[in-house]
Amino acid sequence: MTATTPIRVLIAKIGLDGHDRGARVIASALRDAGMEVIYTGLRKTPEVVVRAALQEDVDVIGVSILSGAHLTLLPKLRRLLDEEGLNEVPLLAGGVIPESDVEELRTHGIEAIFTPGTRLQDVVSYIESSVHLNRS
């Protein structure tokens, strides 16, 4: 019997948004599900998140964003990740993101968007499925 490697998730807060309750709740739920979670803390730049993703060798990156800058910061983060060879690492977003912006974010490579009211188990299941497919 071989032990499986835990899923490593980077949870990030980019931009000037200073509210991190949602990010902390998600991080706790992911830890409770057996994942290793690295939390960047508040007010990080996309460049800092990319460096952390590289250093921590993460399987998934989740960004909590409430500032309204999602159409600027998330595509920039995806582009920087791709430039560093992290194009296979799923980039997920959560927070206050209008439904009208979801499709545009998906065209920029944001794989999934979780808005307020999403069940924690749905986030856990999505990450488990996504990583399982990438590891296969």
Protein backbone atom coordinates (compact mmCIF):
# COMPACT_ATOMS: atom_id res chain seq x y z
CA MET A 1 0.00 0.00 0.00
CA THR A 2 1.43 3.38 -1.00
CA ALA A 3 0.61 6.67 0.61
CA THR A 4 -0.78 9.29 -1.69
CA THR A 5 0.84 12.68 -1.77
CA PRO A 6 -1.46 15.30 -0.26
CA ILE A 7 -2.80 17.95 -2.57
CA ARG A 8 -0.89 21.21 -2.10
CA VAL A 9 -3.01 24.33 -2.43
CA LEU A 10 -1.83 27.93 -2.39
CA ILE A 11 -4.49 30.34 -1.14
CA ALA A 12 -3.73 33.93 -2.09
CA LYS A 13 -5.14 37.40 -1.54
CA ILE A 14 -4.01 39.71 -4.33
CA GLY A 15 -4.46 43.44 -4.61
CA LEU A 16 -5.54 45.87 -1.95
CA ASP A 17 -8.38 43.79 -0.54
CA GLY A 18 -7.94 43.52 3.23
CA HIS A 19 -10.72 41.04 3.98
CA ASP A 20 -9.54 37.48 4.46
CA ARG A 21 -12.28 35.68 6.39
CA GLY A 22 -13.39 33.76 3.29
CA ALA A 23 -9.82 32.76 2.44
CA ARG A 24 -9.28 31.51 5.97
CA VAL A 25 -12.53 29.53 5.95
CA ILE A 26 -11.57 27.89 2.64
CA ALA A 27 -8.05 27.16 3.91
CA SER A 28 -9.47 25.49 7.01
CA ALA A 29 -11.92 23.39 4.98
CA LEU A 30 -9.14 22.25 2.64
CA ARG A 31 -6.90 21.33 5.58
CA ASP A 32 -9.78 19.40 7.17
CA ALA A 33 -10.05 17.49 3.87
CA GLY A 34 -6.40 16.43 4.16
CA MET A 35 -4.81 18.98 1.84
CA GLU A 36 -1.67 20.96 2.56
CA VAL A 37 -2.52 24.66 2.43
CA ILE A 38 -0.12 27.54 2.05
CA TYR A 39 -1.70 30.93 2.74
CA THR A 40 0.09 34.00 1.37
CA GLY A 41 -1.56 36.54 3.65
CA LEU A 42 -3.06 39.85 2.60
CA ARG A 43 -2.23 42.30 -0.17
CA LYS A 44 0.12 40.25 -2.32
CA THR A 45 1.05 41.06 -5.89
CA PRO A 46 0.60 38.53 -8.69
CA GLU A 47 4.41 38.29 -8.86
CA VAL A 48 4.63 37.29 -5.19
CA VAL A 49 1.97 34.63 -5.72
CA VAL A 50 3.87 33.17 -8.68
CA ARG A 51 7.09 32.99 -6.64
CA ALA A 52 5.24 31.26 -3.80
CA ALA A 53 3.65 28.78 -6.22
CA LEU A 54 7.06 27.93 -7.65
CA GLN A 55 8.73 27.61 -4.25
CA GLU A 56 5.94 25.53 -2.74
CA ASP A 57 5.41 23.27 -5.79
CA VAL A 58 1.64 23.58 -5.50
CA ASP A 59 -1.02 21.58 -7.32
CA VAL A 60 -3.68 24.32 -7.27
CA ILE A 61 -3.86 28.06 -6.69
CA GLY A 62 -6.96 29.63 -5.21
CA VAL A 63 -7.35 33.39 -5.13
CA SER A 64 -9.84 35.17 -2.93
CA ILE A 65 -10.71 38.57 -4.33
CA LEU A 66 -13.28 41.04 -3.09
CA SER A 67 -11.83 44.31 -4.34
CA GLY A 68 -13.43 44.43 -7.78
CA ALA A 69 -10.04 44.18 -9.50
CA HIS A 70 -10.60 40.58 -10.64
CA LEU A 71 -10.67 41.42 -14.38
CA THR A 72 -7.23 43.02 -14.08
CA LEU A 73 -5.41 40.94 -11.48
CA LEU A 74 -6.55 37.40 -12.29
CA PRO A 75 -5.64 37.47 -16.01
CA LYS A 76 -2.27 38.99 -15.09
CA LEU A 77 -1.67 36.23 -12.54
CA ARG A 78 -2.60 33.53 -15.09
CA ARG A 79 -0.24 35.07 -17.67
CA LEU A 80 2.65 35.20 -15.18
CA LEU A 81 2.02 31.61 -14.10
CA ASP A 82 2.05 30.48 -17.73
CA GLU A 83 5.29 32.39 -18.38
CA GLU A 84 6.91 30.47 -15.50
CA GLY A 85 5.79 27.11 -16.84
CA LEU A 86 2.91 26.70 -14.40
CA ASN A 87 0.29 26.49 -17.14
CA GLU A 88 -0.89 23.08 -15.84
CA VAL A 89 -1.59 24.44 -12.34
CA PRO A 90 -5.31 25.20 -12.06
CA LEU A 91 -6.11 28.78 -11.05
CA LEU A 92 -9.37 29.12 -9.13
CA ALA A 93 -11.02 32.28 -7.87
CA GLY A 94 -13.50 33.02 -5.15
CA GLY A 95 -15.19 36.06 -3.76
CA VAL A 96 -17.48 38.79 -4.96
CA ILE A 97 -17.31 38.30 -8.71
CA PRO A 98 -20.32 39.33 -10.79
CA GLU A 99 -21.87 36.60 -12.92
CA SER A 100 -21.40 38.89 -15.93
CA ASP A 101 -17.58 38.62 -15.50
CA VAL A 102 -17.35 34.85 -15.09
CA GLU A 103 -17.12 33.95 -18.79
CA GLU A 104 -14.44 36.57 -19.45
CA LEU A 105 -12.37 35.22 -16.57
CA ARG A 106 -12.70 31.70 -17.97
CA THR A 107 -11.40 32.90 -21.34
CA HIS A 108 -8.31 34.12 -19.48
CA GLY A 109 -7.68 30.68 -17.99
CA ILE A 110 -9.38 30.98 -14.62
CA GLU A 111 -10.61 27.42 -14.33
CA ALA A 112 -13.38 27.84 -11.77
CA ILE A 113 -15.05 30.69 -9.94
CA PHE A 114 -16.69 30.21 -6.54
CA THR A 115 -18.96 32.98 -5.32
CA PRO A 116 -20.53 33.58 -1.90
CA GLY A 117 -22.87 30.77 -0.93
CA THR A 118 -20.80 28.01 -2.54
CA ARG A 119 -20.73 24.96 -0.31
CA LEU A 120 -17.28 24.21 1.11
CA GLN A 121 -17.62 20.55 0.10
CA ASP A 122 -18.17 21.65 -3.51
CA VAL A 123 -14.82 23.49 -3.46
CA VAL A 124 -13.07 20.50 -1.88
CA SER A 125 -14.59 18.10 -4.42
CA TYR A 126 -13.69 20.34 -7.34
CA ILE A 127 -10.05 20.57 -6.25
CA GLU A 128 -9.80 16.83 -5.62
CA SER A 129 -11.23 16.07 -9.07
CA SER A 130 -9.06 18.65 -10.81
CA VAL A 131 -5.84 17.42 -9.23
CA HIS A 132 -6.75 13.78 -9.81
CA LEU A 133 -7.13 14.51 -13.54
CA ASN A 134 -3.79 16.39 -13.64
CA ARG A 135 -1.95 13.58 -11.84
CA SER A 136 -3.35 10.86 -14.12
